[in-house]
């Protein structure tokens, strides 16, 4: 009886140990499963947060489309007591971007100065004053000399992400010269708040390739000019600071009549899509086209 009692107790003890061990194994398995589930949940939350941050960053990189309002520029003309007074009409545009508005005014100042052979750091009003002074000096030479006329039209020709193409068209009468639809192009990066030259957007290792493309078009242009213009024209065309533009196909360069050489005609050079993709910086190409 005693032996049987000990066996029973021993069996009960073994059974208790087994149950305890089984319970510990189950508890450990549950703990590990919980850790895995938590890690997975944390990873999902981290991924979701990362995606949200990425979307926010992309949204901040995309600038809002410019809200353009056409209006007369704000400037003052001196009081004129003459019968023959200067005629001036400057149409401009206003946007919600303060830096853009300043850049537009500076571009207009450059255009006005260019009509009278100046290129200085002037405000729009200062450029207008210089233009009026030039007209007054012309009228003072002879009483029958007519005052100058100047008409400027300004427009945003293209917007692609942060890149903006500004066009200013000039119509004027100065002395015996009448100008019709003389165009000027300016490109800016709104994000960097910077006026861009063509050199700013070209890959450094593609400048020679671009130069060859430009010189081919320049040679073709020279062949269409008069013999006098051909003799006076430079052998190579300088393009580093020339007017340039972009459209749906690619980038291009613009030279006004008489800009390359006196009596030379207007020259517009258009790069193909393939040529543009070859020479443009990849980060610019992606957002400009």
Protein backbone atom coordinates (compact mmCIF):
# COMPACT_ATOMS: atom_id res chain seq x y z
CA UNK A 1 0.00 0.00 0.00
CA UNK A 2 2.83 2.32 0.86
CA UNK A 3 4.65 1.50 -2.36
CA UNK A 4 1.51 2.05 -4.39
CA UNK A 5 0.96 5.39 -2.63
CA UNK A 6 4.48 6.57 -3.47
CA UNK A 7 4.02 5.59 -7.13
CA UNK A 8 0.80 7.49 -7.29
CA UNK A 9 2.41 10.54 -5.72
CA UNK A 10 5.37 10.23 -8.12
CA UNK A 11 3.03 9.99 -11.09
CA UNK A 12 1.15 13.05 -9.85
CA UNK A 13 4.43 14.94 -9.47
CA UNK A 14 5.54 13.98 -13.02
CA UNK A 15 2.17 15.00 -14.37
CA UNK A 16 2.41 18.35 -12.58
CA UNK A 17 5.91 18.94 -13.99
CA UNK A 18 4.69 18.12 -17.49
CA UNK A 19 1.76 20.49 -17.20
CA UNK A 20 4.03 23.23 -15.84
CA UNK A 21 6.56 22.71 -18.62
CA UNK A 22 3.83 22.67 -21.26
CA UNK A 23 2.38 25.86 -19.86
CA UNK A 24 5.82 27.54 -19.94
CA UNK A 25 6.34 26.47 -23.56
CA UNK A 26 2.93 27.82 -24.54
CA UNK A 27 3.59 31.06 -22.68
CA UNK A 28 6.98 31.48 -24.37
CA UNK A 29 5.46 30.77 -27.80
CA UNK A 30 2.76 33.37 -27.16
CA UNK A 31 5.41 35.88 -26.04
CA UNK A 32 7.50 35.32 -29.19
CA UNK A 33 4.41 35.57 -31.39
CA UNK A 34 3.47 38.83 -29.68
CA UNK A 35 6.93 40.24 -30.30
CA UNK A 36 6.80 39.30 -33.98
CA UNK A 37 3.33 40.80 -34.30
CA UNK A 38 4.47 44.00 -32.58
CA UNK A 39 7.57 44.24 -34.77
CA UNK A 40 5.43 43.74 -37.86
CA UNK A 41 2.94 46.34 -36.70
CA UNK A 42 5.74 48.80 -35.87
CA UNK A 43 7.29 48.22 -39.29
CA UNK A 44 3.93 48.88 -40.97
CA UNK A 45 3.55 52.08 -38.97
CA UNK A 46 7.09 53.17 -39.86
CA UNK A 47 6.48 52.44 -43.55
CA UNK A 48 3.21 54.37 -43.44
CA UNK A 49 4.93 57.32 -41.73
CA UNK A 50 7.74 57.19 -44.28
CA UNK A 51 5.23 57.25 -47.14
CA UNK A 52 3.41 60.23 -45.61
CA UNK A 53 6.69 62.14 -45.19
CA UNK A 54 7.66 61.31 -48.77
CA UNK A 55 4.30 62.58 -50.07
CA UNK A 56 4.65 65.77 -48.02
CA UNK A 57 8.15 66.34 -49.41
CA UNK A 58 6.93 65.85 -52.98
CA UNK A 59 4.08 68.29 -52.36
CA UNK A 60 6.46 70.94 -51.02
CA UNK A 61 8.68 70.51 -54.10
CA UNK A 62 5.74 71.19 -56.45
CA UNK A 63 5.14 74.94 -56.47
CA UNK A 64 1.59 76.22 -57.00
CA UNK A 65 0.72 77.37 -60.51
CA UNK A 66 1.20 81.12 -60.89
CA UNK A 67 -1.97 83.16 -60.69
CA UNK A 68 -1.33 85.79 -63.36
CA UNK A 69 -3.03 89.18 -63.48
CA UNK A 70 -2.36 91.46 -66.43
CA UNK A 71 -2.26 95.15 -65.60
CA UNK A 72 -0.47 98.41 -66.44
CA UNK A 73 2.88 98.80 -64.72
CA UNK A 74 3.14 101.33 -61.90
CA UNK A 75 5.46 104.17 -62.88
CA UNK A 76 5.51 107.94 -63.14
CA UNK A 77 6.25 110.19 -66.12
CA UNK A 78 7.42 113.79 -65.70
CA UNK A 79 4.89 116.51 -66.38
CA UNK A 80 5.03 117.53 -70.05
CA UNK A 81 4.11 121.02 -71.23
CA UNK A 82 5.07 120.35 -74.85
CA UNK A 83 2.66 119.53 -77.63
CA UNK A 84 4.86 116.60 -78.58
CA UNK A 85 5.21 114.51 -75.40
CA UNK A 86 6.73 111.09 -74.94
CA UNK A 87 4.32 108.20 -75.40
CA UNK A 88 4.81 105.21 -73.12
CA UNK A 89 2.67 102.18 -72.31
CA UNK A 90 4.07 99.34 -70.21
CA UNK A 91 1.80 96.36 -69.63
CA UNK A 92 2.97 93.99 -66.94
CA UNK A 93 1.77 91.01 -64.93
CA UNK A 94 1.39 90.46 -61.20
CA UNK A 95 1.55 87.09 -59.45
CA UNK A 96 1.24 85.79 -55.89
CA UNK A 97 5.02 85.31 -55.85
CA UNK A 98 6.80 88.45 -54.59
CA UNK A 99 10.18 87.37 -55.92
CA UNK A 100 8.67 86.72 -59.36
CA UNK A 101 7.16 90.21 -59.45
CA UNK A 102 10.54 91.75 -58.66
CA UNK A 103 12.25 89.59 -61.31
CA UNK A 104 9.67 90.65 -63.91
CA UNK A 105 10.25 94.33 -63.12
CA UNK A 106 14.03 93.85 -63.36
CA UNK A 107 13.61 92.13 -66.72
CA UNK A 108 11.49 95.01 -67.98
CA UNK A 109 14.12 97.45 -66.77
CA UNK A 110 16.74 95.56 -68.78
CA UNK A 111 14.57 95.67 -71.91
CA UNK A 112 13.94 99.42 -71.63
CA UNK A 113 17.63 100.13 -71.10
CA UNK A 114 18.50 97.95 -74.07
CA UNK A 115 16.54 100.30 -76.33
CA UNK A 116 18.91 103.16 -75.48
CA UNK A 117 22.18 101.25 -75.17
CA UNK A 118 22.32 100.93 -71.37
CA UNK A 119 22.83 97.90 -69.14
CA UNK A 120 22.91 98.93 -65.51
CA UNK A 121 21.36 97.84 -62.22
CA UNK A 122 18.24 100.01 -62.35
CA UNK A 123 14.73 99.76 -61.02
CA UNK A 124 11.89 99.93 -63.53
CA UNK A 125 11.27 103.59 -62.64
CA UNK A 126 14.95 104.46 -63.03
CA UNK A 127 15.04 102.81 -66.45
CA UNK A 128 11.96 104.79 -67.50
CA UNK A 129 13.59 108.01 -66.28
CA UNK A 130 16.70 107.24 -68.34
CA UNK A 131 14.53 106.57 -71.41
CA UNK A 132 12.65 109.87 -70.97
CA UNK A 133 15.96 111.72 -70.57
CA UNK A 134 17.18 110.23 -73.85
CA UNK A 135 14.00 111.32 -75.60
CA UNK A 136 14.29 114.84 -74.17
CA UNK A 137 17.87 115.09 -75.40
CA UNK A 138 16.77 114.08 -78.89
CA UNK A 139 14.00 116.69 -78.92
CA UNK A 140 16.40 119.36 -77.70
CA UNK A 141 18.58 118.89 -80.79
CA UNK A 142 15.89 120.16 -83.13
CA UNK A 143 12.44 121.52 -82.32
CA UNK A 144 10.72 119.33 -84.92
CA UNK A 145 12.14 116.10 -83.54
CA UNK A 146 9.39 113.84 -82.27
CA UNK A 147 9.49 112.39 -78.77
CA UNK A 148 10.14 108.68 -78.37
CA UNK A 149 7.38 106.09 -78.22
CA UNK A 150 7.67 102.90 -76.22
CA UNK A 151 5.16 100.06 -75.79
CA UNK A 152 5.94 96.94 -73.74
CA UNK A 153 3.81 93.82 -73.50
CA UNK A 154 4.77 91.20 -70.92
CA UNK A 155 3.54 87.64 -70.61
CA UNK A 156 4.40 84.27 -69.07
CA UNK A 157 5.02 82.16 -72.16
CA UNK A 158 5.44 78.86 -70.30
CA UNK A 159 5.38 77.32 -66.81
CA UNK A 160 6.86 73.92 -66.05
CA UNK A 161 7.08 73.12 -62.32
CA UNK A 162 9.52 75.71 -60.90
CA UNK A 163 10.69 76.87 -64.34
CA UNK A 164 9.10 79.99 -65.81
CA UNK A 165 9.59 81.52 -69.25
CA UNK A 166 8.97 85.26 -69.47
CA UNK A 167 8.54 87.08 -72.78
CA UNK A 168 8.66 90.84 -73.27
CA UNK A 169 7.63 92.32 -76.64
CA UNK A 170 8.76 95.81 -77.65
CA UNK A 171 7.23 98.22 -80.13
CA UNK A 172 8.91 101.61 -80.33
CA UNK A 173 9.76 104.70 -82.34
CA UNK A 174 13.11 106.35 -81.68
CA UNK A 175 14.43 109.03 -83.97
CA UNK A 176 14.07 107.52 -87.45
CA UNK A 177 13.92 103.90 -86.28
CA UNK A 178 10.68 101.99 -85.84
CA UNK A 179 10.77 98.67 -84.02
CA UNK A 180 7.94 96.16 -84.28
CA UNK A 181 7.52 93.06 -82.12
CA UNK A 182 11.10 92.83 -80.87
CA UNK A 183 11.13 89.88 -78.47
CA UNK A 184 13.11 89.20 -75.29
CA UNK A 185 13.12 85.93 -73.35
CA UNK A 186 14.00 85.31 -69.69
CA UNK A 187 13.99 82.04 -67.75
CA UNK A 188 13.84 81.73 -63.96
CA UNK A 189 13.82 79.02 -61.32
CA UNK A 190 11.13 79.95 -58.79
CA UNK A 191 12.37 77.41 -56.27
CA UNK A 192 15.93 78.76 -56.25
CA UNK A 193 14.71 82.31 -56.94
CA UNK A 194 17.31 82.70 -59.65
CA UNK A 195 17.46 83.92 -63.23
CA UNK A 196 18.87 81.11 -65.37
CA UNK A 197 21.29 81.35 -68.26
CA UNK A 198 21.61 78.49 -70.71
CA UNK A 199 24.92 77.56 -69.10
CA UNK A 200 23.11 77.03 -65.78
CA UNK A 201 21.06 74.12 -67.16
CA UNK A 202 23.59 72.44 -69.46
CA UNK A 203 25.73 69.50 -68.35
CA UNK A 204 29.38 70.55 -68.11
CA UNK A 205 30.53 67.64 -70.25
CA UNK A 206 27.98 68.52 -72.97
CA UNK A 207 28.98 72.14 -73.59
CA UNK A 208 31.19 71.25 -76.54
CA UNK A 209 28.43 69.12 -78.06
CA UNK A 210 25.93 71.96 -77.68
CA UNK A 211 28.41 74.42 -79.16
CA UNK A 212 28.75 72.24 -82.27
CA UNK A 213 24.96 72.13 -82.67
CA UNK A 214 24.73 75.91 -82.38
CA UNK A 215 27.59 76.64 -84.77
CA UNK A 216 26.01 74.41 -87.44
CA UNK A 217 22.82 76.51 -87.28
CA UNK A 218 24.86 79.72 -87.22
CA UNK A 219 26.72 78.70 -90.39
CA UNK A 220 23.38 78.09 -92.11
CA UNK A 221 22.17 81.52 -90.98
CA UNK A 222 25.33 83.20 -92.28
CA UNK A 223 24.78 81.70 -95.72
CA UNK A 224 21.42 83.52 -95.94
CA UNK A 225 22.87 86.95 -95.07
CA UNK A 226 24.11 89.63 -97.42
CA UNK A 227 27.80 89.70 -98.33
CA UNK A 228 28.36 92.78 -96.13
CA UNK A 229 26.76 91.08 -93.14
CA UNK A 230 28.78 87.92 -93.75
CA UNK A 231 32.01 89.91 -93.72
CA UNK A 232 31.11 91.76 -90.52
CA UNK A 233 29.63 88.80 -88.63
CA UNK A 234 31.78 87.04 -86.00
CA UNK A 235 33.29 83.71 -87.05
CA UNK A 236 31.77 81.93 -84.07
CA UNK A 237 28.48 82.63 -82.33
CA UNK A 238 28.68 83.34 -78.60
CA UNK A 239 25.73 81.78 -76.78
CA UNK A 240 26.59 81.60 -73.08
CA UNK A 241 24.43 84.59 -72.09
CA UNK A 242 22.04 84.69 -75.04
CA UNK A 243 18.26 84.72 -74.75
CA UNK A 244 16.94 81.19 -74.54
CA UNK A 245 13.57 79.52 -74.14
CA UNK A 246 11.84 76.17 -73.70
CA UNK A 247 8.68 74.78 -75.28
CA UNK A 248 6.97 71.42 -75.66
CA UNK A 249 9.76 70.07 -77.86
CA UNK A 250 13.00 71.28 -76.29
CA UNK A 251 15.13 74.34 -75.64
CA UNK A 252 16.08 77.04 -78.11
CA UNK A 253 18.10 80.23 -78.52
CA UNK A 254 16.88 83.61 -79.74
CA UNK A 255 18.90 86.40 -81.38
CA UNK A 256 17.11 89.59 -82.34
CA UNK A 257 17.66 91.37 -85.64
CA UNK A 258 20.89 93.43 -85.52
CA UNK A 259 21.95 91.67 -82.30
CA UNK A 260 24.62 89.42 -83.83
CA UNK A 261 25.77 92.03 -86.30
CA UNK A 262 24.39 95.23 -87.79
CA UNK A 263 21.75 94.51 -90.46
CA UNK A 264 21.78 90.82 -89.54
CA UNK A 265 18.38 89.15 -89.47
CA UNK A 266 16.77 87.42 -86.50
CA UNK A 267 18.09 83.96 -85.67
CA UNK A 268 16.16 81.30 -83.74
CA UNK A 269 17.86 77.98 -83.02
CA UNK A 270 15.63 75.07 -82.00
CA UNK A 271 17.08 71.94 -80.42
CA UNK A 272 15.23 68.68 -81.02
CA UNK A 273 13.92 66.50 -78.18
CA UNK A 274 16.90 64.20 -78.59
CA UNK A 275 19.42 67.04 -78.57
CA UNK A 276 17.75 68.63 -75.54
CA UNK A 277 17.82 65.33 -73.63
CA UNK A 278 21.50 64.92 -74.52
CA UNK A 279 22.75 68.27 -73.24
CA UNK A 280 20.38 69.27 -70.40
CA UNK A 281 21.07 68.40 -66.78
CA UNK A 282 18.94 65.34 -65.87
CA UNK A 283 17.27 67.04 -62.89
CA UNK A 284 16.30 70.00 -65.09
CA UNK A 285 15.13 67.81 -67.98
CA UNK A 286 12.86 65.82 -65.66
CA UNK A 287 10.97 68.87 -64.41
CA UNK A 288 11.10 71.10 -67.49
CA UNK A 289 9.71 68.53 -69.96
